[in-house]
Amino acid sequence: MAKKKRSVGRKLFRTVVLAGLGVVGYLAYTNLKPTEDPWAAAYWEDVPAKA
């Protein structure tokens, strides 16, 4: 008996799963990035205020 080939369906399924994982990873990366630079110098704190 010959086995039925399902290689096209498996390749399509793998491609869809990998693309979905890529999208989820990208969204997680963009949402977890800090919005402010924690290493930026706070120059306004060092300058004395003029009254």
PDB file of N, CA and C in Angstrom:
ATOM      1  N   MET A   1       0.827  -1.181   0.000  1.00  0.00           N
ATOM      2  CA  MET A   1       0.000   0.000   0.000  1.00  0.00           C
ATOM      3  C   MET A   1       0.878   1.253   0.000  1.00  0.00           C
ATOM      4  N   ALA A   2       0.465   2.196  -0.780  1.00  0.00           N
ATOM      5  CA  ALA A   2       1.211   3.457  -0.863  1.00  0.00           C
ATOM      6  C   ALA A   2       0.688   4.425   0.192  1.00  0.00           C
ATOM      7  N   LYS A   3       1.648   5.142   0.805  1.00  0.00           N
ATOM      8  CA  LYS A   3       1.251   6.132   1.808  1.00  0.00           C
ATOM      9  C   LYS A   3       0.771   7.397   1.107  1.00  0.00           C
ATOM     10  N   LYS A   4      -0.197   8.035   1.721  1.00  0.00           N
ATOM     11  CA  LYS A   4      -0.729   9.269   1.171  1.00  0.00           C
ATOM     12  C   LYS A   4       0.209  10.415   1.551  1.00  0.00           C
ATOM     13  N   LYS A   5       0.589  11.234   0.577  1.00  0.00           N
ATOM     14  CA  LYS A   5       1.512  12.337   0.834  1.00  0.00           C
ATOM     15  C   LYS A   5       0.734  13.552   1.340  1.00  0.00           C
ATOM     16  N   ARG A   6       1.257  14.132   2.417  1.00  0.00           N
ATOM     17  CA  ARG A   6       0.652  15.335   2.967  1.00  0.00           C
ATOM     18  C   ARG A   6       1.722  16.411   3.164  1.00  0.00           C
ATOM     19  N   SER A   7       2.705  16.415   2.327  1.00  0.00           N
ATOM     20  CA  SER A   7       3.825  17.330   2.545  1.00  0.00           C
ATOM     21  C   SER A   7       3.430  18.790   2.322  1.00  0.00           C
ATOM     22  N   VAL A   8       2.517  19.060   1.406  1.00  0.00           N
ATOM     23  CA  VAL A   8       2.130  20.446   1.138  1.00  0.00           C
ATOM     24  C   VAL A   8       1.380  21.016   2.338  1.00  0.00           C
ATOM     25  N   GLY A   9       0.485  20.249   2.907  1.00  0.00           N
ATOM     26  CA  GLY A   9      -0.263  20.703   4.074  1.00  0.00           C
ATOM     27  C   GLY A   9       0.629  20.905   5.281  1.00  0.00           C
ATOM     28  N   ARG A  10       1.585  20.031   5.466  1.00  0.00           N
ATOM     29  CA  ARG A  10       2.504  20.170   6.600  1.00  0.00           C
ATOM     30  C   ARG A  10       3.397  21.387   6.444  1.00  0.00           C
ATOM     31  N   LYS A  11       3.883  21.628   5.243  1.00  0.00           N
ATOM     32  CA  LYS A  11       4.718  22.804   4.998  1.00  0.00           C
ATOM     33  C   LYS A  11       3.927  24.086   5.214  1.00  0.00           C
ATOM     34  N   LEU A  12       2.688  24.101   4.759  1.00  0.00           N
ATOM     35  CA  LEU A  12       1.841  25.268   4.948  1.00  0.00           C
ATOM     36  C   LEU A  12       1.566  25.496   6.436  1.00  0.00           C
ATOM     37  N   PHE A  13       1.281  24.437   7.160  1.00  0.00           N
ATOM     38  CA  PHE A  13       1.030  24.538   8.590  1.00  0.00           C
ATOM     39  C   PHE A  13       2.257  25.058   9.323  1.00  0.00           C
ATOM     40  N   ARG A  14       3.430  24.531   9.010  1.00  0.00           N
ATOM     41  CA  ARG A  14       4.666  24.994   9.646  1.00  0.00           C
ATOM     42  C   ARG A  14       4.928  26.462   9.340  1.00  0.00           C
ATOM     43  N   THR A  15       4.688  26.858   8.105  1.00  0.00           N
ATOM     44  CA  THR A  15       4.900  28.246   7.713  1.00  0.00           C
ATOM     45  C   THR A  15       3.965  29.178   8.476  1.00  0.00           C
ATOM     46  N   VAL A  16       2.712  28.795   8.613  1.00  0.00           N
ATOM     47  CA  VAL A  16       1.743  29.619   9.330  1.00  0.00           C
ATOM     48  C   VAL A  16       2.112  29.704  10.808  1.00  0.00           C
ATOM     49  N   VAL A  17       2.527  28.591  11.403  1.00  0.00           N
ATOM     50  CA  VAL A  17       2.898  28.586  12.816  1.00  0.00           C
ATOM     51  C   VAL A  17       4.137  29.452  13.040  1.00  0.00           C
ATOM     52  N   LEU A  18       5.135  29.325  12.195  1.00  0.00           N
ATOM     53  CA  LEU A  18       6.348  30.134  12.349  1.00  0.00           C
ATOM     54  C   LEU A  18       6.064  31.624  12.130  1.00  0.00           C
ATOM     55  N   ALA A  19       5.208  31.937  11.182  1.00  0.00           N
ATOM     56  CA  ALA A  19       4.849  33.340  10.954  1.00  0.00           C
ATOM     57  C   ALA A  19       4.093  33.890  12.163  1.00  0.00           C
ATOM     58  N   GLY A  20       3.207  33.096  12.723  1.00  0.00           N
ATOM     59  CA  GLY A  20       2.484  33.525  13.920  1.00  0.00           C
ATOM     60  C   GLY A  20       3.411  33.755  15.093  1.00  0.00           C
ATOM     61  N   LEU A  21       4.387  32.868  15.282  1.00  0.00           N
ATOM     62  CA  LEU A  21       5.359  33.046  16.351  1.00  0.00           C
ATOM     63  C   LEU A  21       6.192  34.304  16.128  1.00  0.00           C
ATOM     64  N   GLY A  22       6.524  34.575  14.894  1.00  0.00           N
ATOM     65  CA  GLY A  22       7.268  35.790  14.581  1.00  0.00           C
ATOM     66  C   GLY A  22       6.474  37.045  14.902  1.00  0.00           C
ATOM     67  N   VAL A  23       5.199  37.041  14.583  1.00  0.00           N
ATOM     68  CA  VAL A  23       4.348  38.192  14.877  1.00  0.00           C
ATOM     69  C   VAL A  23       4.211  38.378  16.385  1.00  0.00           C
ATOM     70  N   VAL A  24       4.000  37.295  17.114  1.00  0.00           N
ATOM     71  CA  VAL A  24       3.884  37.378  18.568  1.00  0.00           C
ATOM     72  C   VAL A  24       5.191  37.881  19.181  1.00  0.00           C
ATOM     73  N   GLY A  25       6.315  37.389  18.692  1.00  0.00           N
ATOM     74  CA  GLY A  25       7.602  37.853  19.193  1.00  0.00           C
ATOM     75  C   GLY A  25       7.839  39.325  18.916  1.00  0.00           C
ATOM     76  N   TYR A  26       7.468  39.777  17.735  1.00  0.00           N
ATOM     77  CA  TYR A  26       7.636  41.190  17.388  1.00  0.00           C
ATOM     78  C   TYR A  26       6.750  42.078  18.257  1.00  0.00           C
ATOM     79  N   LEU A  27       5.505  41.666  18.461  1.00  0.00           N
ATOM     80  CA  LEU A  27       4.606  42.457  19.302  1.00  0.00           C
ATOM     81  C   LEU A  27       5.094  42.499  20.743  1.00  0.00           C
ATOM     82  N   ALA A  28       5.590  41.385  21.243  1.00  0.00           N
ATOM     83  CA  ALA A  28       6.134  41.369  22.603  1.00  0.00           C
ATOM     84  C   ALA A  28       7.353  42.279  22.694  1.00  0.00           C
ATOM     85  N   TYR A  29       8.204  42.256  21.695  1.00  0.00           N
ATOM     86  CA  TYR A  29       9.401  43.103  21.681  1.00  0.00           C
ATOM     87  C   TYR A  29       9.029  44.582  21.687  1.00  0.00           C
ATOM     88  N   THR A  30       8.070  44.960  20.849  1.00  0.00           N
ATOM     89  CA  THR A  30       7.713  46.369  20.761  1.00  0.00           C
ATOM     90  C   THR A  30       6.975  46.845  22.004  1.00  0.00           C
ATOM     91  N   ASN A  31       6.201  45.972  22.655  1.00  0.00           N
ATOM     92  CA  ASN A  31       5.463  46.395  23.835  1.00  0.00           C
ATOM     93  C   ASN A  31       6.319  46.399  25.098  1.00  0.00           C
ATOM     94  N   LEU A  32       7.390  45.649  25.132  1.00  0.00           N
ATOM     95  CA  LEU A  32       8.225  45.580  26.317  1.00  0.00           C
ATOM     96  C   LEU A  32       9.409  46.542  26.279  1.00  0.00           C
ATOM     97  N   LYS A  33       9.600  47.232  25.165  1.00  0.00           N
ATOM     98  CA  LYS A  33      10.678  48.210  25.066  1.00  0.00           C
ATOM     99  C   LYS A  33      10.396  49.378  25.999  1.00  0.00           C
ATOM    100  N   PRO A  34      11.424  49.927  26.639  1.00  0.00           N
ATOM    101  CA  PRO A  34      11.189  51.120  27.448  1.00  0.00           C
ATOM    102  C   PRO A  34      10.863  52.318  26.560  1.00  0.00           C
ATOM    103  N   THR A  35       9.954  53.163  27.031  1.00  0.00           N
ATOM    104  CA  THR A  35       9.570  54.314  26.219  1.00  0.00           C
ATOM    105  C   THR A  35      10.524  55.479  26.430  1.00  0.00           C
ATOM    106  N   GLU A  36      11.211  55.495  27.574  1.00  0.00           N
ATOM    107  CA  GLU A  36      12.194  56.539  27.834  1.00  0.00           C
ATOM    108  C   GLU A  36      13.564  55.893  27.962  1.00  0.00           C
ATOM    109  N   ASP A  37      14.582  56.649  27.610  1.00  0.00           N
ATOM    110  CA  ASP A  37      15.939  56.146  27.705  1.00  0.00           C
ATOM    111  C   ASP A  37      16.401  56.230  29.158  1.00  0.00           C
ATOM    112  N   PRO A  38      16.616  55.090  29.815  1.00  0.00           N
ATOM    113  CA  PRO A  38      17.010  55.139  31.228  1.00  0.00           C
ATOM    114  C   PRO A  38      18.424  55.692  31.428  1.00  0.00           C
ATOM    115  N   TRP A  39      19.224  55.732  30.386  1.00  0.00           N
ATOM    116  CA  TRP A  39      20.603  56.215  30.511  1.00  0.00           C
ATOM    117  C   TRP A  39      20.743  57.669  30.081  1.00  0.00           C
ATOM    118  N   ALA A  40      19.649  58.286  29.682  1.00  0.00           N
ATOM    119  CA  ALA A  40      19.719  59.669  29.228  1.00  0.00           C
ATOM    120  C   ALA A  40      20.001  60.584  30.423  1.00  0.00           C
ATOM    121  N   ALA A  41      20.785  61.613  30.173  1.00  0.00           N
ATOM    122  CA  ALA A  41      21.127  62.558  31.237  1.00  0.00           C
ATOM    123  C   ALA A  41      19.954  63.499  31.478  1.00  0.00           C
ATOM    124  N   ALA A  42      19.628  63.687  32.735  1.00  0.00           N
ATOM    125  CA  ALA A  42      18.569  64.619  33.098  1.00  0.00           C
ATOM    126  C   ALA A  42      19.201  65.998  33.287  1.00  0.00           C
ATOM    127  N   TYR A  43      19.401  66.703  32.184  1.00  0.00           N
ATOM    128  CA  TYR A  43      20.142  67.960  32.223  1.00  0.00           C
ATOM    129  C   TYR A  43      19.374  69.042  32.987  1.00  0.00           C
ATOM    130  N   TRP A  44      18.055  68.971  33.052  1.00  0.00           N
ATOM    131  CA  TRP A  44      17.290  70.007  33.725  1.00  0.00           C
ATOM    132  C   TRP A  44      17.433  69.935  35.249  1.00  0.00           C
ATOM    133  N   GLU A  45      17.900  68.808  35.765  1.00  0.00           N
ATOM    134  CA  GLU A  45      18.083  68.695  37.217  1.00  0.00           C
ATOM    135  C   GLU A  45      19.410  69.328  37.658  1.00  0.00           C
ATOM    136  N   ASP A  46      20.377  69.452  36.766  1.00  0.00           N
ATOM    137  CA  ASP A  46      21.692  69.970  37.111  1.00  0.00           C
ATOM    138  C   ASP A  46      21.783  71.492  36.994  1.00  0.00           C
ATOM    139  N   VAL A  47      20.862  72.111  36.286  1.00  0.00           N
ATOM    140  CA  VAL A  47      20.918  73.548  36.053  1.00  0.00           C
ATOM    141  C   VAL A  47      20.155  74.260  37.162  1.00  0.00           C
ATOM    142  N   PRO A  48      20.790  75.241  37.813  1.00  0.00           N
ATOM    143  CA  PRO A  48      20.056  75.978  38.855  1.00  0.00           C
ATOM    144  C   PRO A  48      18.961  76.847  38.227  1.00  0.00           C
ATOM    145  N   ALA A  49      17.839  76.882  38.898  1.00  0.00           N
ATOM    146  CA  ALA A  49      16.697  77.649  38.388  1.00  0.00           C
ATOM    147  C   ALA A  49      16.935  79.129  38.601  1.00  0.00           C
ATOM    148  N   LYS A  50      16.612  79.938  37.576  1.00  0.00           N
ATOM    149  CA  LYS A  50      16.725  81.386  37.675  1.00  0.00           C
ATOM    150  C   LYS A  50      15.402  81.929  38.210  1.00  0.00           C
ATOM    151  N   ALA A  51      15.488  82.720  39.258  1.00  0.00           N
ATOM    152  CA  ALA A  51      14.264  83.246  39.850  1.00  0.00           C
ATOM    153  C   ALA A  51      13.958  84.636  39.361  1.00  0.00           C
TER     154      ALA A  51
END
